[in-house]
Amino acid sequence: MAAVRRMTYSQIADDIAARIASGEYPTHSQLPSNKQLAGLYSVSVATIERVQIVLRGKGLTYGIPGRGVFVEGADE
C-alpha cells in the first residue's frame, strides 16, 4: 500500500467544501471539532484553524463562540 500524502490546508478546505456541496454536511449542521478534523486528516489543529479561515472566507461556514463551526445557509 502506498504511503498516504498529507493534504495541505487548501486541499482540506476544498475537500470539506465538496462535502458541504454534496450535502454530507447539511445547512446549519455543526462540523466536527477542530481536534476531530485534525485527527481525520492527520494534520495539526493549527492547520485546521487555517482551513476554517478559508471556509469562512468563502462564506461556507460561520462560528458561534463556545458552540462550534456550522455550515452557512446557501440561500439566506
PDB file of N, CA and C in Angstrom:
ATOM      1  N   MET A   1       0.848  -1.188   0.000  1.00  0.00           N
ATOM      2  CA  MET A   1       0.000   0.000   0.000  1.00  0.00           C
ATOM      3  C   MET A   1       0.885   1.240   0.000  1.00  0.00           C
ATOM      4  N   ALA A   2       0.577   2.197  -0.845  1.00  0.00           N
ATOM      5  CA  ALA A   2       1.367   3.417  -0.944  1.00  0.00           C
ATOM      6  C   ALA A   2       1.164   4.288   0.281  1.00  0.00           C
ATOM      7  N   ALA A   3       2.184   5.043   0.617  1.00  0.00           N
ATOM      8  CA  ALA A   3       2.092   5.969   1.745  1.00  0.00           C
ATOM      9  C   ALA A   3       1.079   7.066   1.420  1.00  0.00           C
ATOM     10  N   VAL A   4       0.311   7.434   2.417  1.00  0.00           N
ATOM     11  CA  VAL A   4      -0.691   8.487   2.226  1.00  0.00           C
ATOM     12  C   VAL A   4      -0.004   9.836   2.411  1.00  0.00           C
ATOM     13  N   ARG A   5      -0.155  10.682   1.404  1.00  0.00           N
ATOM     14  CA  ARG A   5       0.411  12.022   1.497  1.00  0.00           C
ATOM     15  C   ARG A   5      -0.499  12.916   2.304  1.00  0.00           C
ATOM     16  N   ARG A   6       0.067  13.721   3.142  1.00  0.00           N
ATOM     17  CA  ARG A   6      -0.723  14.672   3.901  1.00  0.00           C
ATOM     18  C   ARG A   6      -1.265  15.736   2.972  1.00  0.00           C
ATOM     19  N   MET A   7      -2.507  16.106   3.213  1.00  0.00           N
ATOM     20  CA  MET A   7      -3.130  17.147   2.407  1.00  0.00           C
ATOM     21  C   MET A   7      -2.729  18.515   2.952  1.00  0.00           C
ATOM     22  N   THR A   8      -2.647  19.508   2.068  1.00  0.00           N
ATOM     23  CA  THR A   8      -2.394  20.879   2.507  1.00  0.00           C
ATOM     24  C   THR A   8      -3.695  21.468   3.042  1.00  0.00           C
ATOM     25  N   TYR A   9      -3.588  22.593   3.731  1.00  0.00           N
ATOM     26  CA  TYR A   9      -4.797  23.212   4.280  1.00  0.00           C
ATOM     27  C   TYR A   9      -5.782  23.588   3.175  1.00  0.00           C
ATOM     28  N   SER A  10      -5.279  24.005   2.012  1.00  0.00           N
ATOM     29  CA  SER A  10      -6.195  24.373   0.924  1.00  0.00           C
ATOM     30  C   SER A  10      -6.880  23.140   0.341  1.00  0.00           C
ATOM     31  N   GLN A  11      -6.176  22.009   0.286  1.00  0.00           N
ATOM     32  CA  GLN A  11      -6.795  20.762  -0.182  1.00  0.00           C
ATOM     33  C   GLN A  11      -7.863  20.286   0.807  1.00  0.00           C
ATOM     34  N   ILE A  12      -7.585  20.430   2.084  1.00  0.00           N
ATOM     35  CA  ILE A  12      -8.565  20.053   3.099  1.00  0.00           C
ATOM     36  C   ILE A  12      -9.783  20.959   3.005  1.00  0.00           C
ATOM     37  N   ALA A  13      -9.563  22.256   2.826  1.00  0.00           N
ATOM     38  CA  ALA A  13     -10.683  23.196   2.682  1.00  0.00           C
ATOM     39  C   ALA A  13     -11.526  22.826   1.471  1.00  0.00           C
ATOM     40  N   ASP A  14     -10.880  22.477   0.367  1.00  0.00           N
ATOM     41  CA  ASP A  14     -11.605  22.064  -0.842  1.00  0.00           C
ATOM     42  C   ASP A  14     -12.402  20.787  -0.578  1.00  0.00           C
ATOM     43  N   ASP A  15     -11.817  19.858   0.175  1.00  0.00           N
ATOM     44  CA  ASP A  15     -12.498  18.605   0.479  1.00  0.00           C
ATOM     45  C   ASP A  15     -13.735  18.857   1.345  1.00  0.00           C
ATOM     46  N   ILE A  16     -13.590  19.683   2.371  1.00  0.00           N
ATOM     47  CA  ILE A  16     -14.736  19.983   3.234  1.00  0.00           C
ATOM     48  C   ILE A  16     -15.792  20.761   2.447  1.00  0.00           C
ATOM     49  N   ALA A  17     -15.363  21.678   1.581  1.00  0.00           N
ATOM     50  CA  ALA A  17     -16.311  22.417   0.732  1.00  0.00           C
ATOM     51  C   ALA A  17     -17.093  21.454  -0.156  1.00  0.00           C
ATOM     52  N   ALA A  18     -16.423  20.447  -0.701  1.00  0.00           N
ATOM     53  CA  ALA A  18     -17.105  19.454  -1.540  1.00  0.00           C
ATOM     54  C   ALA A  18     -18.096  18.643  -0.708  1.00  0.00           C
ATOM     55  N   ARG A  19     -17.732  18.341   0.526  1.00  0.00           N
ATOM     56  CA  ARG A  19     -18.639  17.606   1.414  1.00  0.00           C
ATOM     57  C   ARG A  19     -19.867  18.451   1.749  1.00  0.00           C
ATOM     58  N   ILE A  20     -19.668  19.750   1.914  1.00  0.00           N
ATOM     59  CA  ILE A  20     -20.805  20.651   2.150  1.00  0.00           C
ATOM     60  C   ILE A  20     -21.695  20.678   0.922  1.00  0.00           C
ATOM     61  N   ALA A  21     -21.087  20.828  -0.262  1.00  0.00           N
ATOM     62  CA  ALA A  21     -21.846  20.899  -1.516  1.00  0.00           C
ATOM     63  C   ALA A  21     -22.631  19.615  -1.773  1.00  0.00           C
ATOM     64  N   SER A  22     -22.073  18.468  -1.369  1.00  0.00           N
ATOM     65  CA  SER A  22     -22.736  17.183  -1.608  1.00  0.00           C
ATOM     66  C   SER A  22     -23.847  16.908  -0.594  1.00  0.00           C
ATOM     67  N   GLY A  23     -23.909  17.721   0.456  1.00  0.00           N
ATOM     68  CA  GLY A  23     -24.926  17.514   1.480  1.00  0.00           C
ATOM     69  C   GLY A  23     -24.466  16.632   2.627  1.00  0.00           C
ATOM     70  N   GLU A  24     -23.218  16.200   2.583  1.00  0.00           N
ATOM     71  CA  GLU A  24     -22.700  15.391   3.698  1.00  0.00           C
ATOM     72  C   GLU A  24     -22.751  16.197   4.996  1.00  0.00           C
ATOM     73  N   TYR A  25     -22.467  17.505   4.876  1.00  0.00           N
ATOM     74  CA  TYR A  25     -22.630  18.438   5.988  1.00  0.00           C
ATOM     75  C   TYR A  25     -23.749  19.404   5.584  1.00  0.00           C
ATOM     76  N   PRO A  26     -24.992  19.132   6.001  1.00  0.00           N
ATOM     77  CA  PRO A  26     -26.128  19.974   5.580  1.00  0.00           C
ATOM     78  C   PRO A  26     -26.093  21.377   6.183  1.00  0.00           C
ATOM     79  N   THR A  27     -26.885  22.266   5.606  1.00  0.00           N
ATOM     80  CA  THR A  27     -27.015  23.644   6.090  1.00  0.00           C
ATOM     81  C   THR A  27     -27.293  23.657   7.589  1.00  0.00           C
ATOM     82  N   HIS A  28     -26.574  24.501   8.285  1.00  0.00           N
ATOM     83  CA  HIS A  28     -26.679  24.731   9.733  1.00  0.00           C
ATOM     84  C   HIS A  28     -26.266  23.537  10.589  1.00  0.00           C
ATOM     85  N   SER A  29     -25.708  22.486   9.972  1.00  0.00           N
ATOM     86  CA  SER A  29     -25.184  21.383  10.785  1.00  0.00           C
ATOM     87  C   SER A  29     -23.818  21.798  11.323  1.00  0.00           C
ATOM     88  N   GLN A  30     -23.473  21.211  12.452  1.00  0.00           N
ATOM     89  CA  GLN A  30     -22.192  21.510  13.067  1.00  0.00           C
ATOM     90  C   GLN A  30     -21.113  20.630  12.459  1.00  0.00           C
ATOM     91  N   LEU A  31     -19.996  21.255  12.109  1.00  0.00           N
ATOM     92  CA  LEU A  31     -18.846  20.485  11.628  1.00  0.00           C
ATOM     93  C   LEU A  31     -18.181  19.807  12.822  1.00  0.00           C
ATOM     94  N   PRO A  32     -17.434  18.744  12.575  1.00  0.00           N
ATOM     95  CA  PRO A  32     -16.653  18.157  13.668  1.00  0.00           C
ATOM     96  C   PRO A  32     -15.724  19.219  14.266  1.00  0.00           C
ATOM     97  N   SER A  33     -15.326  19.010  15.502  1.00  0.00           N
ATOM     98  CA  SER A  33     -14.422  19.965  16.152  1.00  0.00           C
ATOM     99  C   SER A  33     -13.083  20.022  15.415  1.00  0.00           C
ATOM    100  N   ASN A  34     -12.346  21.094  15.666  1.00  0.00           N
ATOM    101  CA  ASN A  34     -11.029  21.216  15.040  1.00  0.00           C
ATOM    102  C   ASN A  34     -10.147  20.030  15.401  1.00  0.00           C
ATOM    103  N   LYS A  35     -10.235  19.577  16.646  1.00  0.00           N
ATOM    104  CA  LYS A  35      -9.436  18.425  17.079  1.00  0.00           C
ATOM    105  C   LYS A  35      -9.852  17.166  16.312  1.00  0.00           C
ATOM    106  N   GLN A  36     -11.160  16.968  16.135  1.00  0.00           N
ATOM    107  CA  GLN A  36     -11.640  15.799  15.388  1.00  0.00           C
ATOM    108  C   GLN A  36     -11.203  15.878  13.923  1.00  0.00           C
ATOM    109  N   LEU A  37     -11.333  17.063  13.318  1.00  0.00           N
ATOM    110  CA  LEU A  37     -10.916  17.224  11.922  1.00  0.00           C
ATOM    111  C   LEU A  37      -9.410  16.995  11.776  1.00  0.00           C
ATOM    112  N   ALA A  38      -8.637  17.487  12.736  1.00  0.00           N
ATOM    113  CA  ALA A  38      -7.182  17.274  12.695  1.00  0.00           C
ATOM    114  C   ALA A  38      -6.873  15.778  12.704  1.00  0.00           C
ATOM    115  N   GLY A  39      -7.605  15.025  13.510  1.00  0.00           N
ATOM    116  CA  GLY A  39      -7.416  13.579  13.544  1.00  0.00           C
ATOM    117  C   GLY A  39      -7.837  12.916  12.245  1.00  0.00           C
ATOM    118  N   LEU A  40      -8.966  13.361  11.683  1.00  0.00           N
ATOM    119  CA  LEU A  40      -9.463  12.782  10.433  1.00  0.00           C
ATOM    120  C   LEU A  40      -8.481  12.972   9.285  1.00  0.00           C
ATOM    121  N   TYR A  41      -7.877  14.150   9.229  1.00  0.00           N
ATOM    122  CA  TYR A  41      -6.980  14.473   8.118  1.00  0.00           C
ATOM    123  C   TYR A  41      -5.500  14.272   8.467  1.00  0.00           C
ATOM    124  N   SER A  42      -5.218  13.826   9.687  1.00  0.00           N
ATOM    125  CA  SER A  42      -3.838  13.595  10.150  1.00  0.00           C
ATOM    126  C   SER A  42      -2.959  14.832  10.008  1.00  0.00           C
ATOM    127  N   VAL A  43      -3.503  15.961  10.469  1.00  0.00           N
ATOM    128  CA  VAL A  43      -2.763  17.226  10.457  1.00  0.00           C
ATOM    129  C   VAL A  43      -2.897  17.872  11.835  1.00  0.00           C
ATOM    130  N   SER A  44      -2.220  18.980  12.039  1.00  0.00           N
ATOM    131  CA  SER A  44      -2.292  19.672  13.327  1.00  0.00           C
ATOM    132  C   SER A  44      -3.576  20.496  13.427  1.00  0.00           C
ATOM    133  N   VAL A  45      -3.937  20.826  14.655  1.00  0.00           N
ATOM    134  CA  VAL A  45      -5.092  21.700  14.883  1.00  0.00           C
ATOM    135  C   VAL A  45      -4.840  23.064  14.238  1.00  0.00           C
ATOM    136  N   ALA A  46      -3.589  23.522  14.246  1.00  0.00           N
ATOM    137  CA  ALA A  46      -3.259  24.804  13.615  1.00  0.00           C
ATOM    138  C   ALA A  46      -3.585  24.785  12.121  1.00  0.00           C
ATOM    139  N   THR A  47      -3.346  23.653  11.467  1.00  0.00           N
ATOM    140  CA  THR A  47      -3.694  23.527  10.050  1.00  0.00           C
ATOM    141  C   THR A  47      -5.202  23.630   9.867  1.00  0.00           C
ATOM    142  N   ILE A  48      -5.966  22.986  10.741  1.00  0.00           N
ATOM    143  CA  ILE A  48      -7.434  23.041  10.655  1.00  0.00           C
ATOM    144  C   ILE A  48      -7.928  24.458  10.923  1.00  0.00           C
ATOM    145  N   GLU A  49      -7.260  25.187  11.791  1.00  0.00           N
ATOM    146  CA  GLU A  49      -7.640  26.588  12.032  1.00  0.00           C
ATOM    147  C   GLU A  49      -7.481  27.396  10.746  1.00  0.00           C
ATOM    148  N   ARG A  50      -6.439  27.131   9.968  1.00  0.00           N
ATOM    149  CA  ARG A  50      -6.269  27.800   8.665  1.00  0.00           C
ATOM    150  C   ARG A  50      -7.384  27.394   7.709  1.00  0.00           C
ATOM    151  N   VAL A  51      -7.769  26.112   7.751  1.00  0.00           N
ATOM    152  CA  VAL A  51      -8.879  25.618   6.927  1.00  0.00           C
ATOM    153  C   VAL A  51     -10.148  26.388   7.270  1.00  0.00           C
ATOM    154  N   GLN A  52     -10.403  26.583   8.557  1.00  0.00           N
ATOM    155  CA  GLN A  52     -11.618  27.285   8.985  1.00  0.00           C
ATOM    156  C   GLN A  52     -11.629  28.723   8.462  1.00  0.00           C
ATOM    157  N   ILE A  53     -10.488  29.372   8.438  1.00  0.00           N
ATOM    158  CA  ILE A  53     -10.396  30.734   7.904  1.00  0.00           C
ATOM    159  C   ILE A  53     -10.774  30.739   6.421  1.00  0.00           C
ATOM    160  N   VAL A  54     -10.275  29.766   5.677  1.00  0.00           N
ATOM    161  CA  VAL A  54     -10.592  29.666   4.240  1.00  0.00           C
ATOM    162  C   VAL A  54     -12.085  29.431   4.041  1.00  0.00           C
ATOM    163  N   LEU A  55     -12.661  28.499   4.804  1.00  0.00           N
ATOM    164  CA  LEU A  55     -14.088  28.186   4.645  1.00  0.00           C
ATOM    165  C   LEU A  55     -14.964  29.386   4.993  1.00  0.00           C
ATOM    166  N   ARG A  56     -14.594  30.100   6.064  1.00  0.00           N
ATOM    167  CA  ARG A  56     -15.361  31.317   6.415  1.00  0.00           C
ATOM    168  C   ARG A  56     -15.225  32.366   5.328  1.00  0.00           C
ATOM    169  N   GLY A  57     -14.006  32.512   4.793  1.00  0.00           N
ATOM    170  CA  GLY A  57     -13.756  33.477   3.731  1.00  0.00           C
ATOM    171  C   GLY A  57     -14.566  33.201   2.474  1.00  0.00           C
ATOM    172  N   LYS A  58     -14.850  31.928   2.225  1.00  0.00           N
ATOM    173  CA  LYS A  58     -15.670  31.536   1.067  1.00  0.00           C
ATOM    174  C   LYS A  58     -17.167  31.628   1.379  1.00  0.00           C
ATOM    175  N   GLY A  59     -17.501  31.983   2.619  1.00  0.00           N
ATOM    176  CA  GLY A  59     -18.904  32.089   3.002  1.00  0.00           C
ATOM    177  C   GLY A  59     -19.587  30.752   3.211  1.00  0.00           C
ATOM    178  N   LEU A  60     -18.802  29.700   3.485  1.00  0.00           N
ATOM    179  CA  LEU A  60     -19.373  28.363   3.635  1.00  0.00           C
ATOM    180  C   LEU A  60     -19.705  28.001   5.075  1.00  0.00           C
ATOM    181  N   THR A  61     -19.041  28.664   6.028  1.00  0.00           N
ATOM    182  CA  THR A  61     -19.263  28.335   7.433  1.00  0.00           C
ATOM    183  C   THR A  61     -19.357  29.603   8.270  1.00  0.00           C
ATOM    184  N   TYR A  62     -19.866  29.428   9.482  1.00  0.00           N
ATOM    185  CA  TYR A  62     -19.865  30.503  10.471  1.00  0.00           C
ATOM    186  C   TYR A  62     -19.599  29.878  11.830  1.00  0.00           C
ATOM    187  N   GLY A  63     -19.001  30.662  12.707  1.00  0.00           N
ATOM    188  CA  GLY A  63     -18.688  30.149  14.039  1.00  0.00           C
ATOM    189  C   GLY A  63     -19.574  30.789  15.087  1.00  0.00           C
ATOM    190  N   ILE A  64     -19.878  30.020  16.106  1.00  0.00           N
ATOM    191  CA  ILE A  64     -20.586  30.534  17.281  1.00  0.00           C
ATOM    192  C   ILE A  64     -19.657  30.281  18.461  1.00  0.00           C
ATOM    193  N   PRO A  65     -19.165  31.366  19.086  1.00  0.00           N
ATOM    194  CA  PRO A  65     -18.217  31.197  20.190  1.00  0.00           C
ATOM    195  C   PRO A  65     -18.767  30.252  21.265  1.00  0.00           C
ATOM    196  N   GLY A  66     -17.950  29.302  21.649  1.00  0.00           N
ATOM    197  CA  GLY A  66     -18.328  28.346  22.666  1.00  0.00           C
ATOM    198  C   GLY A  66     -19.199  27.197  22.173  1.00  0.00           C
ATOM    199  N   ARG A  67     -19.641  27.260  20.921  1.00  0.00           N
ATOM    200  CA  ARG A  67     -20.519  26.212  20.381  1.00  0.00           C
ATOM    201  C   ARG A  67     -19.860  25.432  19.253  1.00  0.00           C
ATOM    202  N   GLY A  68     -19.166  26.122  18.343  1.00  0.00           N
ATOM    203  CA  GLY A  68     -18.511  25.423  17.248  1.00  0.00           C
ATOM    204  C   GLY A  68     -18.677  26.122  15.917  1.00  0.00           C
ATOM    205  N   VAL A  69     -18.389  25.387  14.854  1.00  0.00           N
ATOM    206  CA  VAL A  69     -18.448  25.888  13.483  1.00  0.00           C
ATOM    207  C   VAL A  69     -19.591  25.171  12.773  1.00  0.00           C
ATOM    208  N   PHE A  70     -20.401  25.958  12.054  1.00  0.00           N
ATOM    209  CA  PHE A  70     -21.600  25.445  11.406  1.00  0.00           C
ATOM    210  C   PHE A  70     -21.589  25.784   9.923  1.00  0.00           C
ATOM    211  N   VAL A  71     -22.351  25.021   9.146  1.00  0.00           N
ATOM    212  CA  VAL A  71     -22.457  25.228   7.703  1.00  0.00           C
ATOM    213  C   VAL A  71     -23.412  26.393   7.461  1.00  0.00           C
ATOM    214  N   GLU A  72     -22.965  27.330   6.650  1.00  0.00           N
ATOM    215  CA  GLU A  72     -23.774  28.504   6.291  1.00  0.00           C
ATOM    216  C   GLU A  72     -24.949  28.082   5.418  1.00  0.00           C
ATOM    217  N   GLY A  73     -26.059  28.797   5.550  1.00  0.00           N
ATOM    218  CA  GLY A  73     -27.213  28.546   4.694  1.00  0.00           C
ATOM    219  C   GLY A  73     -26.941  29.021   3.290  1.00  0.00           C
ATOM    220  N   ALA A  74     -27.239  28.199   2.295  1.00  0.00           N
ATOM    221  CA  ALA A  74     -26.931  28.514   0.897  1.00  0.00           C
ATOM    222  C   ALA A  74     -27.812  29.622   0.344  1.00  0.00           C
ATOM    223  N   ASP A  75     -29.044  29.690   0.791  1.00  0.00           N
ATOM    224  CA  ASP A  75     -29.977  30.642   0.172  1.00  0.00           C
ATOM    225  C   ASP A  75     -30.551  31.625   1.185  1.00  0.00           C
ATOM    226  N   GLU A  76     -29.720  32.084   2.083  1.00  0.00           N
ATOM    227  CA  GLU A  76     -30.200  33.027   3.100  1.00  0.00           C
ATOM    228  C   GLU A  76     -29.550  34.366   2.931  1.00  0.00           C
TER     229      GLU A  76
END
